[in-house]
Amino acid sequence: MARLRKFVGYRGLERPYTRKSKFNKKNFIRGGFPNLRVVKFQMGNQHADFNTLVTLHATKPLQIRHNAIEASRQTSNKHLEKNLGRSGYFLKIRFYPFHVLRENPLASGAGADRMSTGMKKSFGKIIGAAAQIRKDQILIEVRVDKKHIAVAKEALKRASAKFPCTCKIRTTAIAEGVKISNDSPAA
């Protein structure tokens, strides 16, 4: 199996490739959509009424690959489930990896100079999917009771370590229509 490349080359936002042709049957992109690693987008007790909302926000615009989303989901969900049980929280991932990542593979090693020389703005093959994130967009939200805010913040801090950016954690009280906000950096 091929080794996963570093994401520093794909982190910046880019315009999605769209094909426009004077022939209608060529107005699509071949290749389909890659299999996503993300298993679930909502975990925990969805029907309980919790009184505190803890959210994780991005501090700058970027792309986040689907395997980073799954890694953050696993670490935060494991921490919450271990400390609060399955019914003591509700975790939701608030974004979806729609953007298809492509790469034009170039040969490296002996004889690679004769095999391929590359091409500017080449279309390439599908290597994965990513989500395009705006500045201050909510990435993950956790709903818990007020006494478990520290556990939720720790879970989101662990999740932010899996993303290729710095994040902020915000706490909001949602009981009785009162909205109180508190900002703190994630790491």
N, C-alpha and C. Protein backbone atom coordinates (compact mmCIF):
# COMPACT_ATOMS: atom_id res chain seq x y z
N MET A 1 0.84 -1.19 0.00
CA MET A 1 0.00 0.00 0.00
C MET A 1 0.87 1.24 0.00
N ALA A 2 0.46 2.26 -0.68
CA ALA A 2 1.24 3.49 -0.79
C ALA A 2 1.24 4.24 0.54
N ARG A 3 2.35 4.91 0.79
CA ARG A 3 2.50 5.68 2.01
C ARG A 3 1.69 6.97 1.93
N LEU A 4 1.11 7.39 3.05
CA LEU A 4 0.32 8.62 3.09
C LEU A 4 1.26 9.82 3.09
N ARG A 5 1.03 10.74 2.18
CA ARG A 5 1.88 11.93 2.08
C ARG A 5 1.57 12.92 3.19
N LYS A 6 2.55 13.78 3.49
CA LYS A 6 2.31 14.84 4.46
C LYS A 6 1.27 15.79 3.91
N PHE A 7 0.46 16.34 4.82
CA PHE A 7 -0.66 17.17 4.38
C PHE A 7 -0.28 18.62 4.14
N VAL A 8 0.96 18.98 4.40
CA VAL A 8 1.35 20.38 4.25
C VAL A 8 1.17 20.86 2.80
N GLY A 9 1.22 19.95 1.84
CA GLY A 9 1.02 20.32 0.45
C GLY A 9 -0.43 20.55 0.07
N TYR A 10 -1.36 20.07 0.89
CA TYR A 10 -2.79 20.16 0.57
C TYR A 10 -3.55 21.04 1.55
N ARG A 11 -2.86 21.62 2.53
CA ARG A 11 -3.51 22.34 3.62
C ARG A 11 -4.17 23.64 3.16
N GLY A 12 -3.57 24.33 2.19
CA GLY A 12 -4.12 25.60 1.72
C GLY A 12 -5.40 25.42 0.92
N LEU A 13 -6.29 26.41 1.00
CA LEU A 13 -7.54 26.33 0.25
C LEU A 13 -7.28 26.49 -1.23
N GLU A 14 -7.96 25.72 -2.03
CA GLU A 14 -7.83 25.81 -3.47
C GLU A 14 -9.21 25.70 -4.09
N ARG A 15 -9.35 26.23 -5.27
CA ARG A 15 -10.63 26.17 -5.97
C ARG A 15 -10.84 24.74 -6.46
N PRO A 16 -12.00 24.17 -6.22
CA PRO A 16 -12.26 22.81 -6.71
C PRO A 16 -12.24 22.76 -8.23
N TYR A 17 -11.76 21.67 -8.77
CA TYR A 17 -11.71 21.52 -10.23
C TYR A 17 -13.12 21.29 -10.74
N THR A 18 -13.55 22.13 -11.66
CA THR A 18 -14.85 21.95 -12.30
C THR A 18 -14.64 21.97 -13.81
N ARG A 19 -15.23 21.04 -14.47
CA ARG A 19 -15.04 20.95 -15.91
C ARG A 19 -16.22 21.59 -16.63
N LYS A 20 -15.94 22.49 -17.52
CA LYS A 20 -16.96 23.14 -18.32
C LYS A 20 -16.67 22.86 -19.78
N SER A 21 -17.65 22.33 -20.47
CA SER A 21 -17.48 21.97 -21.86
C SER A 21 -18.70 22.39 -22.65
N LYS A 22 -18.50 22.61 -23.94
CA LYS A 22 -19.66 22.95 -24.76
C LYS A 22 -20.52 21.73 -25.03
N PHE A 23 -20.02 20.54 -24.70
CA PHE A 23 -20.80 19.31 -24.82
C PHE A 23 -21.27 18.88 -23.44
N ASN A 24 -22.58 18.73 -23.27
CA ASN A 24 -23.15 18.43 -21.96
C ASN A 24 -22.64 17.13 -21.36
N LYS A 25 -22.43 16.13 -22.15
CA LYS A 25 -22.01 14.84 -21.59
C LYS A 25 -20.59 14.86 -21.06
N LYS A 26 -19.82 15.91 -21.33
CA LYS A 26 -18.47 16.02 -20.80
C LYS A 26 -18.38 17.00 -19.62
N ASN A 27 -19.53 17.47 -19.11
CA ASN A 27 -19.54 18.40 -17.99
C ASN A 27 -19.53 17.67 -16.64
N PHE A 28 -18.66 16.73 -16.47
CA PHE A 28 -18.54 16.03 -15.20
C PHE A 28 -17.09 15.59 -15.04
N ILE A 29 -16.76 15.15 -13.85
CA ILE A 29 -15.40 14.69 -13.58
C ILE A 29 -15.44 13.19 -13.36
N ARG A 30 -14.63 12.47 -14.09
CA ARG A 30 -14.57 11.02 -13.93
C ARG A 30 -13.79 10.67 -12.68
N GLY A 31 -14.05 9.51 -12.18
CA GLY A 31 -13.25 9.02 -11.06
C GLY A 31 -14.05 8.77 -9.80
N GLY A 32 -15.23 9.35 -9.68
CA GLY A 32 -16.05 9.10 -8.51
C GLY A 32 -15.56 9.83 -7.28
N PHE A 33 -16.02 9.38 -6.12
CA PHE A 33 -15.66 9.99 -4.84
C PHE A 33 -14.93 8.94 -4.00
N PRO A 34 -13.86 9.31 -3.31
CA PRO A 34 -13.10 8.31 -2.54
C PRO A 34 -13.86 7.82 -1.31
N ASN A 35 -13.49 6.66 -0.82
CA ASN A 35 -14.08 6.13 0.41
C ASN A 35 -13.61 6.97 1.59
N LEU A 36 -14.56 7.37 2.42
CA LEU A 36 -14.22 8.20 3.58
C LEU A 36 -13.86 7.32 4.77
N ARG A 37 -12.93 7.81 5.57
CA ARG A 37 -12.57 7.11 6.80
C ARG A 37 -13.53 7.44 7.94
N VAL A 38 -14.24 8.55 7.84
CA VAL A 38 -15.11 8.98 8.93
C VAL A 38 -16.30 8.02 9.03
N VAL A 39 -16.47 7.43 10.20
CA VAL A 39 -17.50 6.42 10.40
C VAL A 39 -18.82 7.07 10.82
N LYS A 40 -18.77 7.95 11.83
CA LYS A 40 -19.98 8.59 12.36
C LYS A 40 -19.73 10.09 12.50
N PHE A 41 -20.81 10.84 12.46
CA PHE A 41 -20.72 12.29 12.67
C PHE A 41 -21.43 12.71 13.95
N GLN A 42 -22.23 11.82 14.56
CA GLN A 42 -22.92 12.11 15.83
C GLN A 42 -22.75 10.93 16.76
N MET A 43 -22.32 11.21 18.00
CA MET A 43 -22.09 10.16 18.98
C MET A 43 -22.68 10.58 20.33
N GLY A 44 -22.96 9.62 21.17
CA GLY A 44 -23.48 9.91 22.50
C GLY A 44 -24.99 9.91 22.53
N ASN A 45 -25.55 10.60 23.52
CA ASN A 45 -26.99 10.65 23.75
C ASN A 45 -27.58 11.85 23.00
N GLN A 46 -28.27 11.59 21.90
CA GLN A 46 -28.81 12.67 21.06
C GLN A 46 -30.08 13.27 21.61
N HIS A 47 -30.79 12.59 22.48
CA HIS A 47 -32.11 13.03 22.91
C HIS A 47 -32.12 13.68 24.29
N ALA A 48 -31.00 13.69 25.00
CA ALA A 48 -30.96 14.29 26.34
C ALA A 48 -30.87 15.80 26.25
N ASP A 49 -31.35 16.48 27.29
CA ASP A 49 -31.26 17.94 27.37
C ASP A 49 -30.07 18.31 28.24
N PHE A 50 -28.99 18.74 27.60
CA PHE A 50 -27.80 19.19 28.32
C PHE A 50 -27.83 20.70 28.42
N ASN A 51 -27.19 21.26 29.45
CA ASN A 51 -27.28 22.70 29.65
C ASN A 51 -26.04 23.48 29.25
N THR A 52 -25.02 22.82 28.70
CA THR A 52 -23.80 23.51 28.29
C THR A 52 -23.35 23.01 26.93
N LEU A 53 -22.93 23.96 26.10
CA LEU A 53 -22.41 23.65 24.76
C LEU A 53 -20.95 24.08 24.71
N VAL A 54 -20.06 23.14 24.38
CA VAL A 54 -18.63 23.43 24.24
C VAL A 54 -18.27 23.19 22.78
N THR A 55 -17.70 24.20 22.12
CA THR A 55 -17.42 24.10 20.68
C THR A 55 -15.95 24.33 20.40
N LEU A 56 -15.49 23.74 19.30
CA LEU A 56 -14.12 23.88 18.83
C LEU A 56 -14.16 24.67 17.52
N HIS A 57 -13.44 25.79 17.46
CA HIS A 57 -13.45 26.69 16.30
C HIS A 57 -12.08 26.73 15.65
N ALA A 58 -12.04 26.83 14.31
CA ALA A 58 -10.78 27.00 13.58
C ALA A 58 -10.35 28.46 13.64
N THR A 59 -9.04 28.71 13.73
CA THR A 59 -8.56 30.09 13.81
C THR A 59 -8.15 30.66 12.46
N LYS A 60 -8.05 29.82 11.42
CA LYS A 60 -7.72 30.31 10.09
C LYS A 60 -8.34 29.40 9.04
N PRO A 61 -8.51 29.88 7.80
CA PRO A 61 -9.08 29.03 6.75
C PRO A 61 -8.06 28.00 6.26
N LEU A 62 -8.52 26.77 6.05
CA LEU A 62 -7.65 25.70 5.59
C LEU A 62 -8.48 24.50 5.14
N GLN A 63 -7.80 23.44 4.72
CA GLN A 63 -8.43 22.16 4.40
C GLN A 63 -8.02 21.13 5.45
N ILE A 64 -8.96 20.27 5.80
CA ILE A 64 -8.69 19.19 6.76
C ILE A 64 -9.04 17.87 6.08
N ARG A 65 -8.09 16.96 6.04
CA ARG A 65 -8.27 15.69 5.37
C ARG A 65 -9.18 14.76 6.17
N HIS A 66 -9.83 13.83 5.50
CA HIS A 66 -10.82 12.96 6.14
C HIS A 66 -10.21 12.05 7.19
N ASN A 67 -8.97 11.64 7.05
CA ASN A 67 -8.37 10.77 8.08
C ASN A 67 -8.04 11.56 9.35
N ALA A 68 -7.79 12.87 9.23
CA ALA A 68 -7.59 13.70 10.42
C ALA A 68 -8.91 13.90 11.17
N ILE A 69 -10.00 13.99 10.42
CA ILE A 69 -11.32 14.12 11.04
C ILE A 69 -11.63 12.86 11.85
N GLU A 70 -11.35 11.70 11.27
CA GLU A 70 -11.63 10.43 11.96
C GLU A 70 -10.74 10.27 13.19
N ALA A 71 -9.48 10.67 13.09
CA ALA A 71 -8.57 10.57 14.23
C ALA A 71 -9.04 11.46 15.39
N SER A 72 -9.49 12.68 15.07
CA SER A 72 -9.97 13.57 16.12
C SER A 72 -11.27 13.06 16.73
N ARG A 73 -12.13 12.49 15.91
CA ARG A 73 -13.38 11.93 16.41
C ARG A 73 -13.13 10.78 17.39
N GLN A 74 -12.19 9.91 17.04
CA GLN A 74 -11.90 8.77 17.89
C GLN A 74 -11.32 9.19 19.24
N THR A 75 -10.37 10.13 19.22
CA THR A 75 -9.74 10.52 20.49
C THR A 75 -10.71 11.24 21.42
N SER A 76 -11.50 12.16 20.84
CA SER A 76 -12.43 12.91 21.70
C SER A 76 -13.56 12.01 22.20
N ASN A 77 -14.09 11.15 21.34
CA ASN A 77 -15.18 10.26 21.74
C ASN A 77 -14.71 9.26 22.81
N LYS A 78 -13.51 8.76 22.67
CA LYS A 78 -12.98 7.81 23.65
C LYS A 78 -12.83 8.46 25.03
N HIS A 79 -12.33 9.70 25.04
CA HIS A 79 -12.17 10.41 26.31
C HIS A 79 -13.52 10.69 26.97
N LEU A 80 -14.50 11.13 26.17
CA LEU A 80 -15.82 11.43 26.72
C LEU A 80 -16.51 10.15 27.22
N GLU A 81 -16.43 9.09 26.44
CA GLU A 81 -17.09 7.84 26.82
C GLU A 81 -16.47 7.22 28.06
N LYS A 82 -15.17 7.35 28.19
CA LYS A 82 -14.47 6.80 29.34
C LYS A 82 -14.85 7.54 30.63
N ASN A 83 -14.99 8.87 30.55
CA ASN A 83 -15.24 9.66 31.74
C ASN A 83 -16.72 9.92 32.04
N LEU A 84 -17.57 9.97 31.02
CA LEU A 84 -18.98 10.31 31.22
C LEU A 84 -19.95 9.19 30.91
N GLY A 85 -19.49 8.13 30.28
CA GLY A 85 -20.40 7.06 29.86
C GLY A 85 -21.07 7.43 28.55
N ARG A 86 -21.79 6.48 27.95
CA ARG A 86 -22.40 6.73 26.64
C ARG A 86 -23.56 7.72 26.69
N SER A 87 -24.19 7.86 27.83
CA SER A 87 -25.36 8.74 27.90
C SER A 87 -25.06 10.09 28.55
N GLY A 88 -23.82 10.39 28.84
CA GLY A 88 -23.49 11.63 29.55
C GLY A 88 -23.06 12.77 28.66
N TYR A 89 -23.12 12.62 27.33
CA TYR A 89 -22.66 13.67 26.42
C TYR A 89 -23.30 13.49 25.06
N PHE A 90 -23.16 14.50 24.22
CA PHE A 90 -23.54 14.41 22.81
C PHE A 90 -22.46 15.12 22.01
N LEU A 91 -21.78 14.41 21.12
CA LEU A 91 -20.69 14.95 20.30
C LEU A 91 -21.14 14.97 18.84
N LYS A 92 -20.88 16.08 18.16
CA LYS A 92 -21.28 16.20 16.76
C LYS A 92 -20.16 16.86 15.97
N ILE A 93 -19.79 16.26 14.84
CA ILE A 93 -18.83 16.85 13.91
C ILE A 93 -19.63 17.72 12.95
N ARG A 94 -19.27 19.01 12.85
CA ARG A 94 -20.11 19.98 12.14
C ARG A 94 -19.66 20.29 10.73
N PHE A 95 -18.77 19.50 10.14
CA PHE A 95 -18.35 19.74 8.77
C PHE A 95 -18.16 18.40 8.06
N TYR A 96 -18.14 18.44 6.72
CA TYR A 96 -18.08 17.22 5.93
C TYR A 96 -17.01 17.37 4.84
N PRO A 97 -16.21 16.35 4.58
CA PRO A 97 -15.16 16.45 3.55
C PRO A 97 -15.71 16.25 2.13
N PHE A 98 -16.13 17.34 1.50
CA PHE A 98 -16.68 17.27 0.14
C PHE A 98 -15.60 17.40 -0.93
N HIS A 99 -14.50 18.06 -0.63
CA HIS A 99 -13.49 18.40 -1.63
C HIS A 99 -12.62 17.18 -1.96
N VAL A 100 -12.52 16.83 -3.25
CA VAL A 100 -11.72 15.68 -3.68
C VAL A 100 -10.28 16.13 -3.90
N LEU A 101 -9.34 15.42 -3.28
CA LEU A 101 -7.91 15.72 -3.44
C LEU A 101 -7.34 14.84 -4.54
N ARG A 102 -6.53 15.44 -5.39
CA ARG A 102 -5.93 14.71 -6.50
C ARG A 102 -4.43 14.92 -6.51
N GLU A 103 -3.73 13.97 -7.13
CA GLU A 103 -2.28 14.07 -7.22
C GLU A 103 -1.82 13.45 -8.53
N ASN A 104 -0.85 14.11 -9.15
CA ASN A 104 -0.23 13.55 -10.34
C ASN A 104 1.01 12.80 -9.88
N PRO A 105 0.96 11.47 -9.82
CA PRO A 105 2.09 10.73 -9.28
C PRO A 105 3.30 10.79 -10.22
N LEU A 106 4.43 11.13 -9.64
CA LEU A 106 5.68 11.16 -10.40
C LEU A 106 6.59 10.08 -9.85
N ALA A 107 7.27 9.40 -10.72
CA ALA A 107 8.16 8.32 -10.29
C ALA A 107 9.42 8.91 -9.67
N SER A 108 9.92 8.23 -8.66
CA SER A 108 11.17 8.66 -8.04
C SER A 108 12.07 7.44 -7.93
N GLY A 109 13.36 7.69 -7.85
CA GLY A 109 14.31 6.60 -7.76
C GLY A 109 15.09 6.46 -9.06
N ALA A 110 15.70 5.30 -9.24
CA ALA A 110 16.55 5.08 -10.40
C ALA A 110 15.72 5.06 -11.69
N GLY A 111 16.13 5.81 -12.67
CA GLY A 111 15.45 5.85 -13.96
C GLY A 111 14.22 6.72 -13.99
N ALA A 112 13.95 7.44 -12.92
CA ALA A 112 12.74 8.24 -12.85
C ALA A 112 12.81 9.45 -13.79
N ASP A 113 14.01 9.92 -14.09
CA ASP A 113 14.13 11.09 -14.95
C ASP A 113 13.69 10.78 -16.38
N ARG A 114 13.78 9.52 -16.78
CA ARG A 114 13.36 9.17 -18.13
C ARG A 114 11.89 8.76 -18.19
N MET A 115 11.32 8.42 -17.03
CA MET A 115 9.95 7.91 -17.03
C MET A 115 8.91 9.03 -17.11
N SER A 116 9.05 10.06 -16.29
CA SER A 116 8.08 11.15 -16.30
C SER A 116 8.75 12.45 -15.88
N THR A 117 8.27 13.53 -16.44
CA THR A 117 8.87 14.83 -16.14
C THR A 117 7.90 15.77 -15.44
N GLY A 118 6.63 15.39 -15.30
CA GLY A 118 5.66 16.23 -14.61
C GLY A 118 4.89 17.11 -15.57
N MET A 119 3.96 17.84 -15.05
CA MET A 119 3.10 18.68 -15.86
C MET A 119 2.51 19.76 -14.96
N LYS A 120 2.49 20.98 -15.42
CA LYS A 120 1.94 22.08 -14.62
C LYS A 120 0.42 21.97 -14.59
N LYS A 121 -0.17 22.13 -13.40
CA LYS A 121 -1.62 22.07 -13.18
C LYS A 121 -2.23 20.78 -13.73
N SER A 122 -1.59 19.64 -13.48
CA SER A 122 -2.11 18.38 -13.99
C SER A 122 -3.32 17.93 -13.17
N PHE A 123 -4.19 17.15 -13.77
CA PHE A 123 -5.44 16.75 -13.13
C PHE A 123 -5.20 15.69 -12.06
N GLY A 124 -4.54 14.62 -12.37
CA GLY A 124 -4.15 13.63 -11.39
C GLY A 124 -5.24 12.65 -10.99
N LYS A 125 -4.84 11.70 -10.13
CA LYS A 125 -5.75 10.67 -9.64
C LYS A 125 -6.25 11.04 -8.24
N ILE A 126 -7.38 10.46 -7.86
CA ILE A 126 -7.96 10.74 -6.55
C ILE A 126 -7.10 10.09 -5.46
N ILE A 127 -6.75 10.87 -4.43
CA ILE A 127 -5.99 10.31 -3.30
C ILE A 127 -6.76 10.43 -1.99
N GLY A 128 -7.85 11.19 -1.97
CA GLY A 128 -8.62 11.32 -0.74
C GLY A 128 -9.60 12.46 -0.84
N ALA A 129 -10.16 12.82 0.32
CA ALA A 129 -11.13 13.91 0.39
C ALA A 129 -10.75 14.82 1.55
N ALA A 130 -11.16 16.08 1.44
CA ALA A 130 -10.87 17.06 2.49
C ALA A 130 -12.07 17.98 2.66
N ALA A 131 -12.14 18.58 3.83
CA ALA A 131 -13.17 19.58 4.11
C ALA A 131 -12.53 20.96 4.03
N GLN A 132 -13.19 21.89 3.36
CA GLN A 132 -12.69 23.26 3.28
C GLN A 132 -13.32 24.06 4.41
N ILE A 133 -12.48 24.58 5.29
CA ILE A 133 -12.91 25.23 6.52
C ILE A 133 -12.67 26.73 6.43
N ARG A 134 -13.65 27.52 6.87
CA ARG A 134 -13.52 28.98 6.95
C ARG A 134 -12.97 29.37 8.32
N LYS A 135 -12.51 30.59 8.43
CA LYS A 135 -12.03 31.11 9.71
C LYS A 135 -13.20 31.19 10.69
N ASP A 136 -12.98 30.76 11.92
CA ASP A 136 -13.94 30.80 13.01
C ASP A 136 -15.15 29.88 12.80
N GLN A 137 -15.01 28.89 11.93
CA GLN A 137 -16.08 27.91 11.72
C GLN A 137 -16.06 26.89 12.85
N ILE A 138 -17.24 26.43 13.26
CA ILE A 138 -17.33 25.41 14.31
C ILE A 138 -16.95 24.06 13.69
N LEU A 139 -15.97 23.39 14.30
CA LEU A 139 -15.54 22.08 13.82
C LEU A 139 -16.27 20.96 14.55
N ILE A 140 -16.23 21.00 15.88
CA ILE A 140 -16.86 19.96 16.69
C ILE A 140 -17.63 20.63 17.83
N GLU A 141 -18.79 20.10 18.14
CA GLU A 141 -19.53 20.59 19.30
C GLU A 141 -19.81 19.44 20.24
N VAL A 142 -19.76 19.73 21.54
CA VAL A 142 -20.05 18.75 22.58
C VAL A 142 -21.07 19.37 23.52
N ARG A 143 -22.16 18.63 23.78
CA ARG A 143 -23.17 19.08 24.74
C ARG A 143 -23.05 18.21 25.99
N VAL A 144 -22.86 18.88 27.13
CA VAL A 144 -22.71 18.19 28.42
C VAL A 144 -23.43 18.99 29.50
N ASP A 145 -23.51 18.41 30.70
CA ASP A 145 -23.99 19.17 31.85
C ASP A 145 -22.87 20.07 32.36
N LYS A 146 -23.26 21.09 33.12
CA LYS A 146 -22.30 22.11 33.56
C LYS A 146 -21.15 21.54 34.39
N LYS A 147 -21.42 20.49 35.15
CA LYS A 147 -20.38 19.92 36.02
C LYS A 147 -19.31 19.15 35.23
N HIS A 148 -19.57 18.86 33.93
CA HIS A 148 -18.62 18.10 33.11
C HIS A 148 -17.92 18.96 32.05
N ILE A 149 -17.87 20.27 32.24
CA ILE A 149 -17.25 21.16 31.26
C ILE A 149 -15.76 20.84 31.09
N ALA A 150 -15.07 20.56 32.18
CA ALA A 150 -13.62 20.28 32.11
C ALA A 150 -13.33 19.04 31.27
N VAL A 151 -14.18 18.01 31.38
CA VAL A 151 -14.00 16.79 30.59
C VAL A 151 -14.21 17.09 29.11
N ALA A 152 -15.23 17.88 28.79
CA ALA A 152 -15.52 18.23 27.40
C ALA A 152 -14.39 19.08 26.81
N LYS A 153 -13.85 20.02 27.58
CA LYS A 153 -12.74 20.85 27.09
C LYS A 153 -11.50 20.00 26.83
N GLU A 154 -11.23 19.05 27.69
CA GLU A 154 -10.08 18.17 27.50
C GLU A 154 -10.27 17.31 26.25
N ALA A 155 -11.49 16.84 26.01
CA ALA A 155 -11.77 16.03 24.81
C ALA A 155 -11.55 16.86 23.55
N LEU A 156 -12.00 18.11 23.55
CA LEU A 156 -11.81 18.97 22.38
C LEU A 156 -10.35 19.39 22.22
N LYS A 157 -9.63 19.51 23.32
CA LYS A 157 -8.19 19.81 23.23
C LYS A 157 -7.45 18.65 22.56
N ARG A 158 -7.83 17.43 22.91
CA ARG A 158 -7.23 16.25 22.27
C ARG A 158 -7.60 16.17 20.79
N ALA A 159 -8.83 16.55 20.46
CA ALA A 159 -9.26 16.53 19.06
C ALA A 159 -8.52 17.59 18.25
N SER A 160 -8.26 18.76 18.84
CA SER A 160 -7.59 19.84 18.11
C SER A 160 -6.15 19.49 17.78
N ALA A 161 -5.56 18.58 18.54
CA ALA A 161 -4.17 18.17 18.26
C ALA A 161 -4.08 17.37 16.96
N LYS A 162 -5.18 16.80 16.50
CA LYS A 162 -5.18 16.01 15.27
C LYS A 162 -5.40 16.87 14.02
N PHE A 163 -5.82 18.13 14.20
CA PHE A 163 -6.06 19.01 13.06
C PHE A 163 -4.80 19.80 12.72
N PRO A 164 -4.61 20.17 11.44
CA PRO A 164 -3.38 20.89 11.04
C PRO A 164 -3.48 22.40 11.26
N CYS A 165 -4.13 22.82 12.35
CA CYS A 165 -4.25 24.25 12.65
C CYS A 165 -4.42 24.44 14.15
N THR A 166 -4.33 25.69 14.59
CA THR A 166 -4.66 25.98 15.97
C THR A 166 -6.16 26.22 16.08
N CYS A 167 -6.70 25.87 17.22
CA CYS A 167 -8.15 25.96 17.41
C CYS A 167 -8.45 26.66 18.72
N LYS A 168 -9.68 27.18 18.84
CA LYS A 168 -10.17 27.78 20.07
C LYS A 168 -11.34 26.98 20.59
N ILE A 169 -11.43 26.93 21.92
CA ILE A 169 -12.55 26.25 22.56
C ILE A 169 -13.44 27.32 23.18
N ARG A 170 -14.75 27.25 22.90
CA ARG A 170 -15.70 28.21 23.46
C ARG A 170 -16.78 27.45 24.21
N THR A 171 -17.18 28.03 25.35
CA THR A 171 -18.21 27.44 26.20
C THR A 171 -19.43 28.35 26.21
N THR A 172 -20.61 27.77 26.05
CA THR A 172 -21.84 28.53 26.04
C THR A 172 -22.87 27.83 26.91
N ALA A 173 -23.50 28.58 27.81
CA ALA A 173 -24.59 28.03 28.62
C ALA A 173 -25.87 28.11 27.81
N ILE A 174 -26.61 27.00 27.73
CA ILE A 174 -27.83 26.99 26.92
C ILE A 174 -29.08 26.75 27.76
N ALA A 175 -28.98 26.89 29.07
CA ALA A 175 -30.14 26.65 29.93
C ALA A 175 -31.02 27.90 29.99
N GLU A 176 -32.31 27.72 29.82
CA GLU A 176 -33.32 28.77 29.98
C GLU A 176 -33.10 29.96 29.05
N GLY A 177 -32.56 29.73 27.88
CA GLY A 177 -32.40 30.80 26.89
C GLY A 177 -31.27 31.77 27.19
N VAL A 178 -30.49 31.56 28.24
CA VAL A 178 -29.39 32.47 28.58
C VAL A 178 -28.15 32.02 27.84
N LYS A 179 -27.51 32.95 27.11
CA LYS A 179 -26.30 32.63 26.35
C LYS A 179 -25.12 33.37 26.98
N ILE A 180 -24.22 32.63 27.60
CA ILE A 180 -23.01 33.20 28.20
C ILE A 180 -21.83 32.56 27.48
N SER A 181 -20.94 33.38 26.93
CA SER A 181 -19.82 32.86 26.14
C SER A 181 -18.51 33.04 26.88
N ASN A 182 -17.62 32.07 26.70
CA ASN A 182 -16.30 32.11 27.32
C ASN A 182 -15.30 31.53 26.32
N ASP A 183 -14.31 32.31 25.89
CA ASP A 183 -13.32 31.86 24.91
C ASP A 183 -12.03 31.43 25.62
N SER A 184 -11.42 30.36 25.12
CA SER A 184 -10.11 29.94 25.61
C SER A 184 -9.38 29.21 24.49
N PRO A 185 -8.04 29.39 24.39
CA PRO A 185 -7.31 28.67 23.34
C PRO A 185 -7.25 27.19 23.63
N ALA A 186 -7.20 26.38 22.57
CA ALA A 186 -7.24 24.91 22.71
C ALA A 186 -5.92 24.34 23.17
N ALA A 187 -4.82 24.88 22.71
CA ALA A 187 -3.54 24.27 23.07
C ALA A 187 -2.59 25.27 23.66
